[in-house]
Amino acid sequence: MGYRSKRRREKVTYNYTCSLTNEEFVLTEKAENPKELLSVKAYYEMNPEMDDRPAVVKKKLGLPTLEEKH
């Protein structure tokens, strides 16, 4: 009776905190410069012209959409 051991690969995770919003997030890779990491929210606050998220997502987050700006 053959005994087979299945080895599960454990996922290594790294916890980081956004330097602007203090939001915590988890990455599966180690960051080279953890002090430079920003959350998505902080990135879009700093770069509103780059915010290409769909209106549905913005509405869900309570942000003004393109239609509401007019």
PDB file of N, CA and C in Angstrom:
ATOM      1  N   MET A   1       0.812  -1.156   0.000  1.00  0.00           N
ATOM      2  CA  MET A   1       0.000   0.000   0.000  1.00  0.00           C
ATOM      3  C   MET A   1       0.869   1.238   0.000  1.00  0.00           C
ATOM      4  N   GLY A   2       0.819   1.890  -1.115  1.00  0.00           N
ATOM      5  CA  GLY A   2       1.672   3.057  -1.277  1.00  0.00           C
ATOM      6  C   GLY A   2       1.161   4.280  -0.524  1.00  0.00           C
ATOM      7  N   TYR A   3       2.048   4.879   0.161  1.00  0.00           N
ATOM      8  CA  TYR A   3       1.714   6.097   0.887  1.00  0.00           C
ATOM      9  C   TYR A   3       2.333   7.259   0.139  1.00  0.00           C
ATOM     10  N   ARG A   4       1.483   8.159  -0.286  1.00  0.00           N
ATOM     11  CA  ARG A   4       1.970   9.332  -1.001  1.00  0.00           C
ATOM     12  C   ARG A   4       1.733  10.562  -0.159  1.00  0.00           C
ATOM     13  N   SER A   5       2.742  11.267   0.059  1.00  0.00           N
ATOM     14  CA  SER A   5       2.609  12.499   0.824  1.00  0.00           C
ATOM     15  C   SER A   5       2.514  13.658  -0.151  1.00  0.00           C
ATOM     16  N   LYS A   6       1.480  14.413   0.005  1.00  0.00           N
ATOM     17  CA  LYS A   6       1.331  15.595  -0.840  1.00  0.00           C
ATOM     18  C   LYS A   6       1.891  16.778  -0.069  1.00  0.00           C
ATOM     19  N   ARG A   7       2.861  17.388  -0.647  1.00  0.00           N
ATOM     20  CA  ARG A   7       3.450  18.559   0.003  1.00  0.00           C
ATOM     21  C   ARG A   7       2.764  19.794  -0.536  1.00  0.00           C
ATOM     22  N   ARG A   8       2.240  20.543   0.356  1.00  0.00           N
ATOM     23  CA  ARG A   8       1.644  21.809  -0.042  1.00  0.00           C
ATOM     24  C   ARG A   8       2.693  22.902   0.058  1.00  0.00           C
ATOM     25  N   ARG A   9       2.691  23.717  -0.921  1.00  0.00           N
ATOM     26  CA  ARG A   9       3.609  24.848  -0.898  1.00  0.00           C
ATOM     27  C   ARG A   9       2.944  25.966  -0.104  1.00  0.00           C
ATOM     28  N   GLU A  10       3.625  26.397   0.914  1.00  0.00           N
ATOM     29  CA  GLU A  10       3.081  27.485   1.718  1.00  0.00           C
ATOM     30  C   GLU A  10       3.334  28.798   1.004  1.00  0.00           C
ATOM     31  N   LYS A  11       2.300  29.653   0.986  1.00  0.00           N
ATOM     32  CA  LYS A  11       2.462  30.968   0.384  1.00  0.00           C
ATOM     33  C   LYS A  11       3.057  31.906   1.407  1.00  0.00           C
ATOM     34  N   VAL A  12       4.117  32.554   1.023  1.00  0.00           N
ATOM     35  CA  VAL A  12       4.746  33.543   1.885  1.00  0.00           C
ATOM     36  C   VAL A  12       4.112  34.887   1.547  1.00  0.00           C
ATOM     37  N   THR A  13       3.636  35.588   2.568  1.00  0.00           N
ATOM     38  CA  THR A  13       3.033  36.898   2.346  1.00  0.00           C
ATOM     39  C   THR A  13       3.769  37.948   3.156  1.00  0.00           C
ATOM     40  N   TYR A  14       3.716  39.155   2.659  1.00  0.00           N
ATOM     41  CA  TYR A  14       4.371  40.282   3.309  1.00  0.00           C
ATOM     42  C   TYR A  14       3.319  41.367   3.553  1.00  0.00           C
ATOM     43  N   ASN A  15       3.246  41.861   4.779  1.00  0.00           N
ATOM     44  CA  ASN A  15       2.289  42.897   5.138  1.00  0.00           C
ATOM     45  C   ASN A  15       2.963  44.257   5.081  1.00  0.00           C
ATOM     46  N   TYR A  16       2.309  45.199   4.422  1.00  0.00           N
ATOM     47  CA  TYR A  16       2.831  46.555   4.295  1.00  0.00           C
ATOM     48  C   TYR A  16       1.748  47.551   4.648  1.00  0.00           C
ATOM     49  N   THR A  17       2.165  48.775   4.953  1.00  0.00           N
ATOM     50  CA  THR A  17       1.241  49.854   5.269  1.00  0.00           C
ATOM     51  C   THR A  17       1.521  51.020   4.336  1.00  0.00           C
ATOM     52  N   CYS A  18       0.459  51.602   3.784  1.00  0.00           N
ATOM     53  CA  CYS A  18       0.583  52.765   2.910  1.00  0.00           C
ATOM     54  C   CYS A  18       1.095  53.934   3.738  1.00  0.00           C
ATOM     55  N   SER A  19       2.080  54.643   3.212  1.00  0.00           N
ATOM     56  CA  SER A  19       2.690  55.742   3.959  1.00  0.00           C
ATOM     57  C   SER A  19       1.780  56.963   4.051  1.00  0.00           C
ATOM     58  N   LEU A  20       0.784  57.083   3.171  1.00  0.00           N
ATOM     59  CA  LEU A  20      -0.112  58.238   3.204  1.00  0.00           C
ATOM     60  C   LEU A  20      -1.423  57.968   3.928  1.00  0.00           C
ATOM     61  N   THR A  21      -2.056  56.844   3.629  1.00  0.00           N
ATOM     62  CA  THR A  21      -3.384  56.574   4.176  1.00  0.00           C
ATOM     63  C   THR A  21      -3.367  55.607   5.352  1.00  0.00           C
ATOM     64  N   ASN A  22      -2.224  55.030   5.644  1.00  0.00           N
ATOM     65  CA  ASN A  22      -2.074  54.020   6.696  1.00  0.00           C
ATOM     66  C   ASN A  22      -2.934  52.786   6.469  1.00  0.00           C
ATOM     67  N   GLU A  23      -3.349  52.547   5.221  1.00  0.00           N
ATOM     68  CA  GLU A  23      -4.074  51.326   4.880  1.00  0.00           C
ATOM     69  C   GLU A  23      -3.075  50.175   4.864  1.00  0.00           C
ATOM     70  N   GLU A  24      -3.508  49.031   5.347  1.00  0.00           N
ATOM     71  CA  GLU A  24      -2.642  47.859   5.333  1.00  0.00           C
ATOM     72  C   GLU A  24      -3.019  46.968   4.157  1.00  0.00           C
ATOM     73  N   PHE A  25      -2.011  46.387   3.515  1.00  0.00           N
ATOM     74  CA  PHE A  25      -2.256  45.469   2.427  1.00  0.00           C
ATOM     75  C   PHE A  25      -1.201  44.383   2.428  1.00  0.00           C
ATOM     76  N   VAL A  26      -1.490  43.308   1.713  1.00  0.00           N
ATOM     77  CA  VAL A  26      -0.642  42.122   1.708  1.00  0.00           C
ATOM     78  C   VAL A  26      -0.141  41.882   0.291  1.00  0.00           C
ATOM     79  N   LEU A  27       1.136  41.587   0.175  1.00  0.00           N
ATOM     80  CA  LEU A  27       1.736  41.237  -1.104  1.00  0.00           C
ATOM     81  C   LEU A  27       2.349  39.848  -1.001  1.00  0.00           C
ATOM     82  N   THR A  28       2.468  39.180  -2.140  1.00  0.00           N
ATOM     83  CA  THR A  28       3.085  37.856  -2.154  1.00  0.00           C
ATOM     84  C   THR A  28       4.559  37.929  -2.524  1.00  0.00           C
ATOM     85  N   GLU A  29       5.025  39.124  -2.858  1.00  0.00           N
ATOM     86  CA  GLU A  29       6.443  39.317  -3.147  1.00  0.00           C
ATOM     87  C   GLU A  29       6.994  40.382  -2.217  1.00  0.00           C
ATOM     88  N   LYS A  30       8.242  40.249  -1.890  1.00  0.00           N
ATOM     89  CA  LYS A  30       8.881  41.230  -1.024  1.00  0.00           C
ATOM     90  C   LYS A  30       9.146  42.507  -1.824  1.00  0.00           C
ATOM     91  N   ALA A  31       8.789  43.640  -1.255  1.00  0.00           N
ATOM     92  CA  ALA A  31       8.971  44.919  -1.938  1.00  0.00           C
ATOM     93  C   ALA A  31      10.399  45.409  -1.775  1.00  0.00           C
ATOM     94  N   GLU A  32      10.937  45.978  -2.839  1.00  0.00           N
ATOM     95  CA  GLU A  32      12.292  46.518  -2.773  1.00  0.00           C
ATOM     96  C   GLU A  32      12.331  47.768  -1.898  1.00  0.00           C
ATOM     97  N   ASN A  33      11.325  48.630  -2.045  1.00  0.00           N
ATOM     98  CA  ASN A  33      11.256  49.883  -1.288  1.00  0.00           C
ATOM     99  C   ASN A  33       9.894  49.985  -0.605  1.00  0.00           C
ATOM    100  N   PRO A  34       9.711  49.324   0.518  1.00  0.00           N
ATOM    101  CA  PRO A  34       8.389  49.313   1.155  1.00  0.00           C
ATOM    102  C   PRO A  34       7.900  50.690   1.590  1.00  0.00           C
ATOM    103  N   LYS A  35       8.799  51.628   1.836  1.00  0.00           N
ATOM    104  CA  LYS A  35       8.375  52.969   2.249  1.00  0.00           C
ATOM    105  C   LYS A  35       7.775  53.753   1.090  1.00  0.00           C
ATOM    106  N   GLU A  36       8.001  53.310  -0.133  1.00  0.00           N
ATOM    107  CA  GLU A  36       7.460  53.988  -1.307  1.00  0.00           C
ATOM    108  C   GLU A  36       6.144  53.395  -1.790  1.00  0.00           C
ATOM    109  N   LEU A  37       5.649  52.348  -1.145  1.00  0.00           N
ATOM    110  CA  LEU A  37       4.409  51.718  -1.573  1.00  0.00           C
ATOM    111  C   LEU A  37       3.216  52.597  -1.240  1.00  0.00           C
ATOM    112  N   LEU A  38       2.280  52.683  -2.177  1.00  0.00           N
ATOM    113  CA  LEU A  38       1.054  53.442  -1.984  1.00  0.00           C
ATOM    114  C   LEU A  38      -0.141  52.540  -2.228  1.00  0.00           C
ATOM    115  N   SER A  39      -1.221  52.816  -1.534  1.00  0.00           N
ATOM    116  CA  SER A  39      -2.453  52.092  -1.811  1.00  0.00           C
ATOM    117  C   SER A  39      -3.065  52.664  -3.083  1.00  0.00           C
ATOM    118  N   VAL A  40      -4.014  51.962  -3.649  1.00  0.00           N
ATOM    119  CA  VAL A  40      -4.683  52.426  -4.862  1.00  0.00           C
ATOM    120  C   VAL A  40      -5.371  53.761  -4.581  1.00  0.00           C
ATOM    121  N   LYS A  41      -6.004  53.863  -3.432  1.00  0.00           N
ATOM    122  CA  LYS A  41      -6.699  55.095  -3.049  1.00  0.00           C
ATOM    123  C   LYS A  41      -5.722  56.278  -3.022  1.00  0.00           C
ATOM    124  N   ALA A  42      -4.580  56.103  -2.403  1.00  0.00           N
ATOM    125  CA  ALA A  42      -3.589  57.175  -2.315  1.00  0.00           C
ATOM    126  C   ALA A  42      -3.044  57.532  -3.693  1.00  0.00           C
ATOM    127  N   TYR A  43      -2.823  56.541  -4.531  1.00  0.00           N
ATOM    128  CA  TYR A  43      -2.307  56.805  -5.874  1.00  0.00           C
ATOM    129  C   TYR A  43      -3.272  57.678  -6.664  1.00  0.00           C
ATOM    130  N   TYR A  44      -4.554  57.328  -6.644  1.00  0.00           N
ATOM    131  CA  TYR A  44      -5.538  58.099  -7.393  1.00  0.00           C
ATOM    132  C   TYR A  44      -5.793  59.461  -6.773  1.00  0.00           C
ATOM    133  N   GLU A  45      -5.592  59.616  -5.469  1.00  0.00           N
ATOM    134  CA  GLU A  45      -5.710  60.934  -4.850  1.00  0.00           C
ATOM    135  C   GLU A  45      -4.570  61.839  -5.330  1.00  0.00           C
ATOM    136  N   MET A  46      -3.392  61.258  -5.494  1.00  0.00           N
ATOM    137  CA  MET A  46      -2.241  62.037  -5.948  1.00  0.00           C
ATOM    138  C   MET A  46      -2.263  62.283  -7.460  1.00  0.00           C
ATOM    139  N   ASN A  47      -2.908  61.376  -8.208  1.00  0.00           N
ATOM    140  CA  ASN A  47      -2.948  61.461  -9.669  1.00  0.00           C
ATOM    141  C   ASN A  47      -4.385  61.345 -10.176  1.00  0.00           C
ATOM    142  N   PRO A  48      -5.238  62.329  -9.921  1.00  0.00           N
ATOM    143  CA  PRO A  48      -6.640  62.200 -10.334  1.00  0.00           C
ATOM    144  C   PRO A  48      -6.810  62.105 -11.851  1.00  0.00           C
ATOM    145  N   GLU A  49      -5.885  62.647 -12.617  1.00  0.00           N
ATOM    146  CA  GLU A  49      -5.995  62.577 -14.076  1.00  0.00           C
ATOM    147  C   GLU A  49      -5.768  61.163 -14.594  1.00  0.00           C
ATOM    148  N   MET A  50      -5.155  60.310 -13.797  1.00  0.00           N
ATOM    149  CA  MET A  50      -4.896  58.923 -14.193  1.00  0.00           C
ATOM    150  C   MET A  50      -6.020  57.973 -13.787  1.00  0.00           C
ATOM    151  N   ASP A  51      -7.054  58.483 -13.134  1.00  0.00           N
ATOM    152  CA  ASP A  51      -8.143  57.641 -12.621  1.00  0.00           C
ATOM    153  C   ASP A  51      -9.021  57.170 -13.774  1.00  0.00           C
ATOM    154  N   ASP A  52      -8.767  55.957 -14.248  1.00  0.00           N
ATOM    155  CA  ASP A  52      -9.507  55.392 -15.370  1.00  0.00           C
ATOM    156  C   ASP A  52     -10.448  54.273 -14.932  1.00  0.00           C
ATOM    157  N   ARG A  53     -10.785  54.262 -13.654  1.00  0.00           N
ATOM    158  CA  ARG A  53     -11.699  53.238 -13.157  1.00  0.00           C
ATOM    159  C   ARG A  53     -13.094  53.456 -13.738  1.00  0.00           C
ATOM    160  N   PRO A  54     -13.845  52.375 -13.961  1.00  0.00           N
ATOM    161  CA  PRO A  54     -15.206  52.517 -14.500  1.00  0.00           C
ATOM    162  C   PRO A  54     -16.114  53.273 -13.522  1.00  0.00           C
ATOM    163  N   ALA A  55     -17.176  53.876 -14.058  1.00  0.00           N
ATOM    164  CA  ALA A  55     -18.125  54.651 -13.251  1.00  0.00           C
ATOM    165  C   ALA A  55     -18.754  53.790 -12.165  1.00  0.00           C
ATOM    166  N   VAL A  56     -18.969  52.509 -12.440  1.00  0.00           N
ATOM    167  CA  VAL A  56     -19.571  51.607 -11.461  1.00  0.00           C
ATOM    168  C   VAL A  56     -18.690  51.502 -10.219  1.00  0.00           C
ATOM    169  N   VAL A  57     -17.398  51.387 -10.420  1.00  0.00           N
ATOM    170  CA  VAL A  57     -16.448  51.274  -9.312  1.00  0.00           C
ATOM    171  C   VAL A  57     -16.414  52.578  -8.522  1.00  0.00           C
ATOM    172  N   LYS A  58     -16.358  53.701  -9.226  1.00  0.00           N
ATOM    173  CA  LYS A  58     -16.328  54.995  -8.554  1.00  0.00           C
ATOM    174  C   LYS A  58     -17.592  55.220  -7.737  1.00  0.00           C
ATOM    175  N   LYS A  59     -18.728  54.831  -8.295  1.00  0.00           N
ATOM    176  CA  LYS A  59     -20.000  55.000  -7.585  1.00  0.00           C
ATOM    177  C   LYS A  59     -20.021  54.147  -6.322  1.00  0.00           C
ATOM    178  N   LYS A  60     -19.502  52.923  -6.424  1.00  0.00           N
ATOM    179  CA  LYS A  60     -19.454  52.018  -5.272  1.00  0.00           C
ATOM    180  C   LYS A  60     -18.563  52.578  -4.159  1.00  0.00           C
ATOM    181  N   LEU A  61     -17.503  53.297  -4.541  1.00  0.00           N
ATOM    182  CA  LEU A  61     -16.587  53.882  -3.575  1.00  0.00           C
ATOM    183  C   LEU A  61     -17.062  55.245  -3.066  1.00  0.00           C
ATOM    184  N   GLY A  62     -18.152  55.753  -3.644  1.00  0.00           N
ATOM    185  CA  GLY A  62     -18.674  57.045  -3.219  1.00  0.00           C
ATOM    186  C   GLY A  62     -17.920  58.220  -3.809  1.00  0.00           C
ATOM    187  N   LEU A  63     -17.268  57.999  -4.938  1.00  0.00           N
ATOM    188  CA  LEU A  63     -16.522  59.060  -5.608  1.00  0.00           C
ATOM    189  C   LEU A  63     -17.375  59.662  -6.721  1.00  0.00           C
ATOM    190  N   PRO A  64     -17.157  60.931  -7.049  1.00  0.00           N
ATOM    191  CA  PRO A  64     -17.917  61.527  -8.152  1.00  0.00           C
ATOM    192  C   PRO A  64     -17.522  60.893  -9.480  1.00  0.00           C
ATOM    193  N   THR A  65     -18.519  60.581 -10.285  1.00  0.00           N
ATOM    194  CA  THR A  65     -18.246  60.005 -11.597  1.00  0.00           C
ATOM    195  C   THR A  65     -18.252  61.111 -12.632  1.00  0.00           C
ATOM    196  N   LEU A  66     -17.893  60.790 -13.849  1.00  0.00           N
ATOM    197  CA  LEU A  66     -17.808  61.779 -14.920  1.00  0.00           C
ATOM    198  C   LEU A  66     -19.162  62.437 -15.144  1.00  0.00           C
ATOM    199  N   GLU A  67     -20.259  61.647 -15.084  1.00  0.00           N
ATOM    200  CA  GLU A  67     -21.597  62.175 -15.307  1.00  0.00           C
ATOM    201  C   GLU A  67     -21.981  63.170 -14.212  1.00  0.00           C
ATOM    202  N   GLU A  68     -21.523  62.938 -12.966  1.00  0.00           N
ATOM    203  CA  GLU A  68     -21.894  63.783 -11.845  1.00  0.00           C
ATOM    204  C   GLU A  68     -21.137  65.098 -11.854  1.00  0.00           C
ATOM    205  N   LYS A  69     -20.024  65.167 -12.559  1.00  0.00           N
ATOM    206  CA  LYS A  69     -19.205  66.374 -12.571  1.00  0.00           C
ATOM    207  C   LYS A  69     -19.811  67.477 -13.415  1.00  0.00           C
ATOM    208  N   HIS A  70     -20.692  67.138 -14.364  1.00  0.00           N
ATOM    209  CA  HIS A  70     -21.269  68.132 -15.272  1.00  0.00           C
ATOM    210  C   HIS A  70     -22.275  68.980 -14.597  1.00  0.00           C
TER     211      HIS A  70
END
